[in-house]
């Protein structure tokens, strides 16, 4: 149950299975991926604001749940993004 899992200190985001991020609405979140944080949303805003034109393509290594790449693709629909997870899971 939710209460038991919280008592075991499991993050709410893992229990719920999704969490709001940037302008995407909800992104899927499960262990062992990192939980998207407000600071990560600020990073996405900085990247978008300080990139004068959308890049033709970009690469994200270790994307976890993919929130950064998904947010950038939403902001730059003409771009192509590749997100490569190196974890074995």
PDB file of N, CA and C in Angstrom:
ATOM      1  N   UNK A   1       0.838  -1.191   0.000  1.00  0.00           N
ATOM      2  CA  UNK A   1       0.000   0.000   0.000  1.00  0.00           C
ATOM      3  C   UNK A   1       0.876   1.244   0.000  1.00  0.00           C
ATOM      4  N   UNK A   2       0.272   2.355  -0.338  1.00  0.00           N
ATOM      5  CA  UNK A   2       0.966   3.636  -0.394  1.00  0.00           C
ATOM      6  C   UNK A   2       1.592   3.973   0.960  1.00  0.00           C
ATOM      7  N   UNK A   3       0.816   3.830   2.031  1.00  0.00           N
ATOM      8  CA  UNK A   3       1.291   4.198   3.363  1.00  0.00           C
ATOM      9  C   UNK A   3       2.479   3.332   3.772  1.00  0.00           C
ATOM     10  N   UNK A   4       2.395   2.033   3.534  1.00  0.00           N
ATOM     11  CA  UNK A   4       3.495   1.135   3.883  1.00  0.00           C
ATOM     12  C   UNK A   4       4.765   1.521   3.130  1.00  0.00           C
ATOM     13  N   UNK A   5       4.626   1.793   1.837  1.00  0.00           N
ATOM     14  CA  UNK A   5       5.783   2.165   1.022  1.00  0.00           C
ATOM     15  C   UNK A   5       6.391   3.481   1.487  1.00  0.00           C
ATOM     16  N   UNK A   6       5.544   4.430   1.869  1.00  0.00           N
ATOM     17  CA  UNK A   6       6.061   5.703   2.390  1.00  0.00           C
ATOM     18  C   UNK A   6       6.748   5.491   3.727  1.00  0.00           C
ATOM     19  N   UNK A   7       6.189   4.632   4.575  1.00  0.00           N
ATOM     20  CA  UNK A   7       6.814   4.329   5.870  1.00  0.00           C
ATOM     21  C   UNK A   7       8.190   3.706   5.679  1.00  0.00           C
ATOM     22  N   UNK A   8       8.371   3.027   4.552  1.00  0.00           N
ATOM     23  CA  UNK A   8       9.679   2.449   4.213  1.00  0.00           C
ATOM     24  C   UNK A   8      10.569   3.471   3.517  1.00  0.00           C
ATOM     25  N   UNK A   9      10.099   4.723   3.459  1.00  0.00           N
ATOM     26  CA  UNK A   9      10.837   5.877   2.922  1.00  0.00           C
ATOM     27  C   UNK A   9      11.032   5.827   1.404  1.00  0.00           C
ATOM     28  N   UNK A  10      10.167   5.120   0.724  1.00  0.00           N
ATOM     29  CA  UNK A  10      10.208   5.124  -0.740  1.00  0.00           C
ATOM     30  C   UNK A  10       9.692   6.477  -1.225  1.00  0.00           C
ATOM     31  N   UNK A  11      10.365   7.099  -2.186  1.00  0.00           N
ATOM     32  CA  UNK A  11       9.908   8.405  -2.667  1.00  0.00           C
ATOM     33  C   UNK A  11       8.488   8.352  -3.252  1.00  0.00           C
ATOM     34  N   UNK A  12       7.738   9.387  -3.004  1.00  0.00           N
ATOM     35  CA  UNK A  12       6.363   9.479  -3.519  1.00  0.00           C
ATOM     36  C   UNK A  12       6.346   9.319  -5.028  1.00  0.00           C
ATOM     37  N   UNK A  13       7.326   9.896  -5.696  1.00  0.00           N
ATOM     38  CA  UNK A  13       7.365   9.838  -7.157  1.00  0.00           C
ATOM     39  C   UNK A  13       7.421   8.397  -7.657  1.00  0.00           C
ATOM     40  N   UNK A  14       8.159   7.527  -6.981  1.00  0.00           N
ATOM     41  CA  UNK A  14       8.234   6.121  -7.378  1.00  0.00           C
ATOM     42  C   UNK A  14       6.921   5.407  -7.099  1.00  0.00           C
ATOM     43  N   UNK A  15       6.275   5.759  -6.014  1.00  0.00           N
ATOM     44  CA  UNK A  15       5.010   5.123  -5.660  1.00  0.00           C
ATOM     45  C   UNK A  15       3.926   5.499  -6.664  1.00  0.00           C
ATOM     46  N   UNK A  16       3.867   6.791  -6.994  1.00  0.00           N
ATOM     47  CA  UNK A  16       2.852   7.287  -7.938  1.00  0.00           C
ATOM     48  C   UNK A  16       3.181   6.830  -9.358  1.00  0.00           C
ATOM     49  N   UNK A  17       4.480   6.803  -9.694  1.00  0.00           N
ATOM     50  CA  UNK A  17       4.909   6.336 -11.003  1.00  0.00           C
ATOM     51  C   UNK A  17       5.005   7.410 -12.067  1.00  0.00           C
ATOM     52  N   UNK A  18       4.618   8.613 -11.726  1.00  0.00           N
ATOM     53  CA  UNK A  18       4.748   9.729 -12.665  1.00  0.00           C
ATOM     54  C   UNK A  18       4.839  11.012 -11.855  1.00  0.00           C
ATOM     55  N   UNK A  19       5.404  12.052 -12.498  1.00  0.00           N
ATOM     56  CA  UNK A  19       5.609  13.305 -11.779  1.00  0.00           C
ATOM     57  C   UNK A  19       5.617  14.454 -12.782  1.00  0.00           C
ATOM     58  N   UNK A  20       5.062  15.615 -12.435  1.00  0.00           N
ATOM     59  CA  UNK A  20       5.056  16.732 -13.376  1.00  0.00           C
ATOM     60  C   UNK A  20       6.469  17.255 -13.629  1.00  0.00           C
ATOM     61  N   UNK A  21       6.712  17.629 -14.871  1.00  0.00           N
ATOM     62  CA  UNK A  21       8.011  18.206 -15.225  1.00  0.00           C
ATOM     63  C   UNK A  21       7.834  19.222 -16.342  1.00  0.00           C
ATOM     64  N   UNK A  22       8.356  20.402 -16.101  1.00  0.00           N
ATOM     65  CA  UNK A  22       8.395  21.493 -17.078  1.00  0.00           C
ATOM     66  C   UNK A  22       7.026  21.667 -17.710  1.00  0.00           C
ATOM     67  N   UNK A  23       6.955  21.747 -19.012  1.00  0.00           N
ATOM     68  CA  UNK A  23       5.676  21.925 -19.701  1.00  0.00           C
ATOM     69  C   UNK A  23       5.167  20.617 -20.305  1.00  0.00           C
ATOM     70  N   UNK A  24       5.706  19.504 -19.829  1.00  0.00           N
ATOM     71  CA  UNK A  24       5.337  18.199 -20.387  1.00  0.00           C
ATOM     72  C   UNK A  24       4.082  17.618 -19.768  1.00  0.00           C
ATOM     73  N   UNK A  25       3.707  18.107 -18.636  1.00  0.00           N
ATOM     74  CA  UNK A  25       2.677  17.419 -17.870  1.00  0.00           C
ATOM     75  C   UNK A  25       3.383  16.401 -17.006  1.00  0.00           C
ATOM     76  N   UNK A  26       3.082  15.135 -17.175  1.00  0.00           N
ATOM     77  CA  UNK A  26       3.663  14.079 -16.348  1.00  0.00           C
ATOM     78  C   UNK A  26       4.712  13.287 -17.124  1.00  0.00           C
ATOM     79  N   UNK A  27       5.777  12.913 -16.431  1.00  0.00           N
ATOM     80  CA  UNK A  27       6.755  11.976 -16.994  1.00  0.00           C
ATOM     81  C   UNK A  27       6.760  10.733 -16.102  1.00  0.00           C
ATOM     82  N   UNK A  28       6.997   9.596 -16.693  1.00  0.00           N
ATOM     83  CA  UNK A  28       7.045   8.348 -15.927  1.00  0.00           C
ATOM     84  C   UNK A  28       8.325   8.317 -15.109  1.00  0.00           C
ATOM     85  N   UNK A  29       8.197   7.897 -13.868  1.00  0.00           N
ATOM     86  CA  UNK A  29       9.341   7.823 -12.975  1.00  0.00           C
ATOM     87  C   UNK A  29       9.300   6.483 -12.248  1.00  0.00           C
ATOM     88  N   UNK A  30      10.411   5.779 -12.271  1.00  0.00           N
ATOM     89  CA  UNK A  30      10.509   4.530 -11.532  1.00  0.00           C
ATOM     90  C   UNK A  30      11.950   4.356 -11.079  1.00  0.00           C
ATOM     91  N   UNK A  31      12.121   3.600 -10.016  1.00  0.00           N
ATOM     92  CA  UNK A  31      13.479   3.301  -9.552  1.00  0.00           C
ATOM     93  C   UNK A  31      14.182   2.483 -10.621  1.00  0.00           C
ATOM     94  N   UNK A  32      15.430   2.677 -10.866  1.00  0.00           N
ATOM     95  CA  UNK A  32      16.403   3.502 -10.166  1.00  0.00           C
ATOM     96  C   UNK A  32      16.641   4.862 -10.820  1.00  0.00           C
ATOM     97  N   UNK A  33      15.782   5.312 -11.721  1.00  0.00           N
ATOM     98  CA  UNK A  33      16.029   6.602 -12.372  1.00  0.00           C
ATOM     99  C   UNK A  33      15.966   7.734 -11.357  1.00  0.00           C
ATOM    100  N   UNK A  34      16.698   8.784 -11.639  1.00  0.00           N
ATOM    101  CA  UNK A  34      16.648   9.958 -10.778  1.00  0.00           C
ATOM    102  C   UNK A  34      15.309  10.652 -10.956  1.00  0.00           C
ATOM    103  N   UNK A  35      14.816  11.225  -9.902  1.00  0.00           N
ATOM    104  CA  UNK A  35      13.541  11.944  -9.933  1.00  0.00           C
ATOM    105  C   UNK A  35      13.801  13.358 -10.446  1.00  0.00           C
ATOM    106  N   UNK A  36      13.075  13.798 -11.480  1.00  0.00           N
ATOM    107  CA  UNK A  36      13.271  15.160 -11.983  1.00  0.00           C
ATOM    108  C   UNK A  36      12.995  16.183 -10.876  1.00  0.00           C
ATOM    109  N   UNK A  37      13.885  17.146 -10.755  1.00  0.00           N
ATOM    110  CA  UNK A  37      13.789  18.143  -9.693  1.00  0.00           C
ATOM    111  C   UNK A  37      13.522  19.520 -10.276  1.00  0.00           C
ATOM    112  N   UNK A  38      13.047  20.435  -9.448  1.00  0.00           N
ATOM    113  CA  UNK A  38      12.822  21.800  -9.928  1.00  0.00           C
ATOM    114  C   UNK A  38      14.087  22.434 -10.514  1.00  0.00           C
ATOM    115  N   UNK A  39      15.259  22.084  -9.956  1.00  0.00           N
ATOM    116  CA  UNK A  39      16.515  22.618 -10.486  1.00  0.00           C
ATOM    117  C   UNK A  39      16.749  22.154 -11.918  1.00  0.00           C
ATOM    118  N   UNK A  40      16.294  20.955 -12.230  1.00  0.00           N
ATOM    119  CA  UNK A  40      16.432  20.435 -13.593  1.00  0.00           C
ATOM    120  C   UNK A  40      15.531  21.210 -14.541  1.00  0.00           C
ATOM    121  N   UNK A  41      14.352  21.595 -14.078  1.00  0.00           N
ATOM    122  CA  UNK A  41      13.477  22.437 -14.896  1.00  0.00           C
ATOM    123  C   UNK A  41      14.136  23.784 -15.162  1.00  0.00           C
ATOM    124  N   UNK A  42      14.820  24.333 -14.159  1.00  0.00           N
ATOM    125  CA  UNK A  42      15.540  25.597 -14.350  1.00  0.00           C
ATOM    126  C   UNK A  42      16.655  25.427 -15.371  1.00  0.00           C
ATOM    127  N   UNK A  43      17.342  24.289 -15.332  1.00  0.00           N
ATOM    128  CA  UNK A  43      18.386  24.009 -16.311  1.00  0.00           C
ATOM    129  C   UNK A  43      17.817  23.982 -17.725  1.00  0.00           C
ATOM    130  N   UNK A  44      16.674  23.329 -17.910  1.00  0.00           N
ATOM    131  CA  UNK A  44      16.029  23.280 -19.227  1.00  0.00           C
ATOM    132  C   UNK A  44      15.679  24.693 -19.681  1.00  0.00           C
ATOM    133  N   UNK A  45      15.129  25.502 -18.781  1.00  0.00           N
ATOM    134  CA  UNK A  45      14.807  26.896 -19.131  1.00  0.00           C
ATOM    135  C   UNK A  45      16.051  27.667 -19.562  1.00  0.00           C
ATOM    136  N   UNK A  46      17.163  27.487 -18.842  1.00  0.00           N
ATOM    137  CA  UNK A  46      18.412  28.164 -19.203  1.00  0.00           C
ATOM    138  C   UNK A  46      18.908  27.728 -20.580  1.00  0.00           C
ATOM    139  N   UNK A  47      18.862  26.438 -20.841  1.00  0.00           N
ATOM    140  CA  UNK A  47      19.303  25.933 -22.143  1.00  0.00           C
ATOM    141  C   UNK A  47      18.467  26.549 -23.259  1.00  0.00           C
ATOM    142  N   UNK A  48      17.160  26.542 -23.083  1.00  0.00           N
ATOM    143  CA  UNK A  48      16.271  27.084 -24.122  1.00  0.00           C
ATOM    144  C   UNK A  48      16.497  28.582 -24.303  1.00  0.00           C
ATOM    145  N   UNK A  49      16.601  29.305 -23.196  1.00  0.00           N
ATOM    146  CA  UNK A  49      16.738  30.762 -23.246  1.00  0.00           C
ATOM    147  C   UNK A  49      18.070  31.202 -23.847  1.00  0.00           C
ATOM    148  N   UNK A  50      19.140  30.434 -23.586  1.00  0.00           N
ATOM    149  CA  UNK A  50      20.468  30.841 -24.030  1.00  0.00           C
ATOM    150  C   UNK A  50      20.940  30.139 -25.300  1.00  0.00           C
ATOM    151  N   UNK A  51      20.065  29.430 -25.943  1.00  0.00           N
ATOM    152  CA  UNK A  51      20.388  28.826 -27.233  1.00  0.00           C
ATOM    153  C   UNK A  51      19.669  29.663 -28.287  1.00  0.00           C
ATOM    154  N   UNK A  52      20.426  30.433 -29.078  1.00  0.00           N
ATOM    155  CA  UNK A  52      19.798  31.390 -29.991  1.00  0.00           C
ATOM    156  C   UNK A  52      18.863  30.765 -31.030  1.00  0.00           C
ATOM    157  N   UNK A  53      19.197  29.580 -31.482  1.00  0.00           N
ATOM    158  CA  UNK A  53      18.347  28.883 -32.453  1.00  0.00           C
ATOM    159  C   UNK A  53      18.323  27.402 -32.080  1.00  0.00           C
ATOM    160  N   UNK A  54      17.221  26.774 -32.386  1.00  0.00           N
ATOM    161  CA  UNK A  54      17.100  25.353 -32.074  1.00  0.00           C
ATOM    162  C   UNK A  54      18.191  24.583 -32.811  1.00  0.00           C
ATOM    163  N   UNK A  55      18.883  23.690 -32.134  1.00  0.00           N
ATOM    164  CA  UNK A  55      19.895  22.889 -32.812  1.00  0.00           C
ATOM    165  C   UNK A  55      19.235  21.866 -33.735  1.00  0.00           C
ATOM    166  N   UNK A  56      19.982  21.438 -34.732  1.00  0.00           N
ATOM    167  CA  UNK A  56      19.460  20.401 -35.624  1.00  0.00           C
ATOM    168  C   UNK A  56      19.309  19.090 -34.860  1.00  0.00           C
ATOM    169  N   UNK A  57      20.247  18.839 -33.938  1.00  0.00           N
ATOM    170  CA  UNK A  57      20.189  17.614 -33.138  1.00  0.00           C
ATOM    171  C   UNK A  57      20.967  17.815 -31.842  1.00  0.00           C
ATOM    172  N   UNK A  58      20.659  16.961 -30.887  1.00  0.00           N
ATOM    173  CA  UNK A  58      21.383  16.992 -29.611  1.00  0.00           C
ATOM    174  C   UNK A  58      21.445  15.581 -29.042  1.00  0.00           C
ATOM    175  N   UNK A  59      22.373  15.391 -28.107  1.00  0.00           N
ATOM    176  CA  UNK A  59      22.591  14.104 -27.464  1.00  0.00           C
ATOM    177  C   UNK A  59      22.529  14.292 -25.958  1.00  0.00           C
ATOM    178  N   UNK A  60      21.826  13.409 -25.278  1.00  0.00           N
ATOM    179  CA  UNK A  60      21.824  13.384 -23.816  1.00  0.00           C
ATOM    180  C   UNK A  60      22.296  12.001 -23.381  1.00  0.00           C
ATOM    181  N   UNK A  61      23.345  11.960 -22.574  1.00  0.00           N
ATOM    182  CA  UNK A  61      23.876  10.704 -22.061  1.00  0.00           C
ATOM    183  C   UNK A  61      23.406  10.538 -20.620  1.00  0.00           C
ATOM    184  N   UNK A  62      22.843   9.388 -20.315  1.00  0.00           N
ATOM    185  CA  UNK A  62      22.331   9.128 -18.971  1.00  0.00           C
ATOM    186  C   UNK A  62      21.055   9.886 -18.677  1.00  0.00           C
ATOM    187  N   UNK A  63      20.042   9.768 -19.540  1.00  0.00           N
ATOM    188  CA  UNK A  63      18.844  10.586 -19.398  1.00  0.00           C
ATOM    189  C   UNK A  63      17.899  10.179 -18.273  1.00  0.00           C
ATOM    190  N   UNK A  64      18.119   9.020 -17.672  1.00  0.00           N
ATOM    191  CA  UNK A  64      17.175   8.596 -16.636  1.00  0.00           C
ATOM    192  C   UNK A  64      15.794   8.416 -17.227  1.00  0.00           C
ATOM    193  N   UNK A  65      14.840   9.201 -16.762  1.00  0.00           N
ATOM    194  CA  UNK A  65      13.471   9.088 -17.285  1.00  0.00           C
ATOM    195  C   UNK A  65      13.284   9.867 -18.586  1.00  0.00           C
ATOM    196  N   UNK A  66      14.313  10.581 -19.037  1.00  0.00           N
ATOM    197  CA  UNK A  66      14.239  11.292 -20.316  1.00  0.00           C
ATOM    198  C   UNK A  66      13.603  12.660 -20.252  1.00  0.00           C
ATOM    199  N   UNK A  67      13.382  13.193 -19.061  1.00  0.00           N
ATOM    200  CA  UNK A  67      12.658  14.456 -18.905  1.00  0.00           C
ATOM    201  C   UNK A  67      13.330  15.622 -19.634  1.00  0.00           C
ATOM    202  N   UNK A  68      14.657  15.721 -19.559  1.00  0.00           N
ATOM    203  CA  UNK A  68      15.348  16.843 -20.205  1.00  0.00           C
ATOM    204  C   UNK A  68      15.178  16.764 -21.720  1.00  0.00           C
ATOM    205  N   UNK A  69      15.447  15.609 -22.296  1.00  0.00           N
ATOM    206  CA  UNK A  69      15.315  15.462 -23.754  1.00  0.00           C
ATOM    207  C   UNK A  69      13.881  15.710 -24.211  1.00  0.00           C
ATOM    208  N   UNK A  70      12.915  15.189 -23.473  1.00  0.00           N
ATOM    209  CA  UNK A  70      11.514  15.393 -23.855  1.00  0.00           C
ATOM    210  C   UNK A  70      11.132  16.873 -23.800  1.00  0.00           C
ATOM    211  N   UNK A  71      11.597  17.578 -22.767  1.00  0.00           N
ATOM    212  CA  UNK A  71      11.292  19.010 -22.652  1.00  0.00           C
ATOM    213  C   UNK A  71      11.946  19.802 -23.778  1.00  0.00           C
ATOM    214  N   UNK A  72      13.190  19.445 -24.133  1.00  0.00           N
ATOM    215  CA  UNK A  72      13.870  20.142 -25.233  1.00  0.00           C
ATOM    216  C   UNK A  72      13.190  19.850 -26.567  1.00  0.00           C
ATOM    217  N   UNK A  73      12.765  18.621 -26.784  1.00  0.00           N
ATOM    218  CA  UNK A  73      12.065  18.292 -28.027  1.00  0.00           C
ATOM    219  C   UNK A  73      10.719  19.006 -28.118  1.00  0.00           C
ATOM    220  N   UNK A  74      10.081  19.221 -26.996  1.00  0.00           N
ATOM    221  CA  UNK A  74       8.826  19.972 -27.022  1.00  0.00           C
ATOM    222  C   UNK A  74       9.090  21.435 -27.370  1.00  0.00           C
ATOM    223  N   UNK A  75      10.180  21.994 -26.823  1.00  0.00           N
ATOM    224  CA  UNK A  75      10.527  23.395 -27.113  1.00  0.00           C
ATOM    225  C   UNK A  75      11.060  23.562 -28.526  1.00  0.00           C
ATOM    226  N   UNK A  76      11.742  22.554 -29.026  1.00  0.00           N
ATOM    227  CA  UNK A  76      12.350  22.595 -30.359  1.00  0.00           C
ATOM    228  C   UNK A  76      11.812  21.449 -31.217  1.00  0.00           C
ATOM    229  N   UNK A  77      10.581  21.506 -31.680  1.00  0.00           N
ATOM    230  CA  UNK A  77      10.000  20.373 -32.414  1.00  0.00           C
ATOM    231  C   UNK A  77      10.748  20.023 -33.704  1.00  0.00           C
ATOM    232  N   UNK A  78      11.511  20.964 -34.245  1.00  0.00           N
ATOM    233  CA  UNK A  78      12.255  20.676 -35.475  1.00  0.00           C
ATOM    234  C   UNK A  78      13.579  19.956 -35.198  1.00  0.00           C
ATOM    235  N   UNK A  79      13.992  19.876 -33.944  1.00  0.00           N
ATOM    236  CA  UNK A  79      15.257  19.222 -33.585  1.00  0.00           C
ATOM    237  C   UNK A  79      15.080  17.708 -33.507  1.00  0.00           C
ATOM    238  N   UNK A  80      16.194  17.011 -33.577  1.00  0.00           N
ATOM    239  CA  UNK A  80      16.241  15.567 -33.371  1.00  0.00           C
ATOM    240  C   UNK A  80      17.084  15.326 -32.134  1.00  0.00           C
ATOM    241  N   UNK A  81      16.565  14.535 -31.217  1.00  0.00           N
ATOM    242  CA  UNK A  81      17.305  14.256 -29.989  1.00  0.00           C
ATOM    243  C   UNK A  81      17.548  12.775 -29.831  1.00  0.00           C
ATOM    244  N   UNK A  82      18.722  12.465 -29.293  1.00  0.00           N
ATOM    245  CA  UNK A  82      19.055  11.091 -28.971  1.00  0.00           C
ATOM    246  C   UNK A  82      19.401  11.058 -27.489  1.00  0.00           C
ATOM    247  N   UNK A  83      18.763  10.165 -26.759  1.00  0.00           N
ATOM    248  CA  UNK A  83      19.033  10.000 -25.341  1.00  0.00           C
ATOM    249  C   UNK A  83      19.529   8.567 -25.123  1.00  0.00           C
ATOM    250  N   UNK A  84      20.723   8.435 -24.580  1.00  0.00           N
ATOM    251  CA  UNK A  84      21.358   7.123 -24.431  1.00  0.00           C
ATOM    252  C   UNK A  84      21.537   6.836 -22.952  1.00  0.00           C
ATOM    253  N   UNK A  85      20.907   5.770 -22.494  1.00  0.00           N
ATOM    254  CA  UNK A  85      21.056   5.347 -21.098  1.00  0.00           C
ATOM    255  C   UNK A  85      22.113   4.267 -21.043  1.00  0.00           C
ATOM    256  N   UNK A  86      23.085   4.439 -20.188  1.00  0.00           N
ATOM    257  CA  UNK A  86      24.183   3.482 -20.096  1.00  0.00           C
ATOM    258  C   UNK A  86      23.987   2.463 -18.975  1.00  0.00           C
ATOM    259  N   UNK A  87      22.971   2.641 -18.136  1.00  0.00           N
ATOM    260  CA  UNK A  87      22.700   1.682 -17.066  1.00  0.00           C
ATOM    261  C   UNK A  87      22.198   0.379 -17.682  1.00  0.00           C
ATOM    262  N   UNK A  88      22.451  -0.694 -17.001  1.00  0.00           N
ATOM    263  CA  UNK A  88      22.062  -2.000 -17.519  1.00  0.00           C
ATOM    264  C   UNK A  88      20.632  -2.382 -17.243  1.00  0.00           C
ATOM    265  N   UNK A  89      19.832  -1.479 -16.745  1.00  0.00           N
ATOM    266  CA  UNK A  89      18.446  -1.819 -16.383  1.00  0.00           C
ATOM    267  C   UNK A  89      17.458  -1.319 -17.406  1.00  0.00           C
TER     268      UNK A  89
END
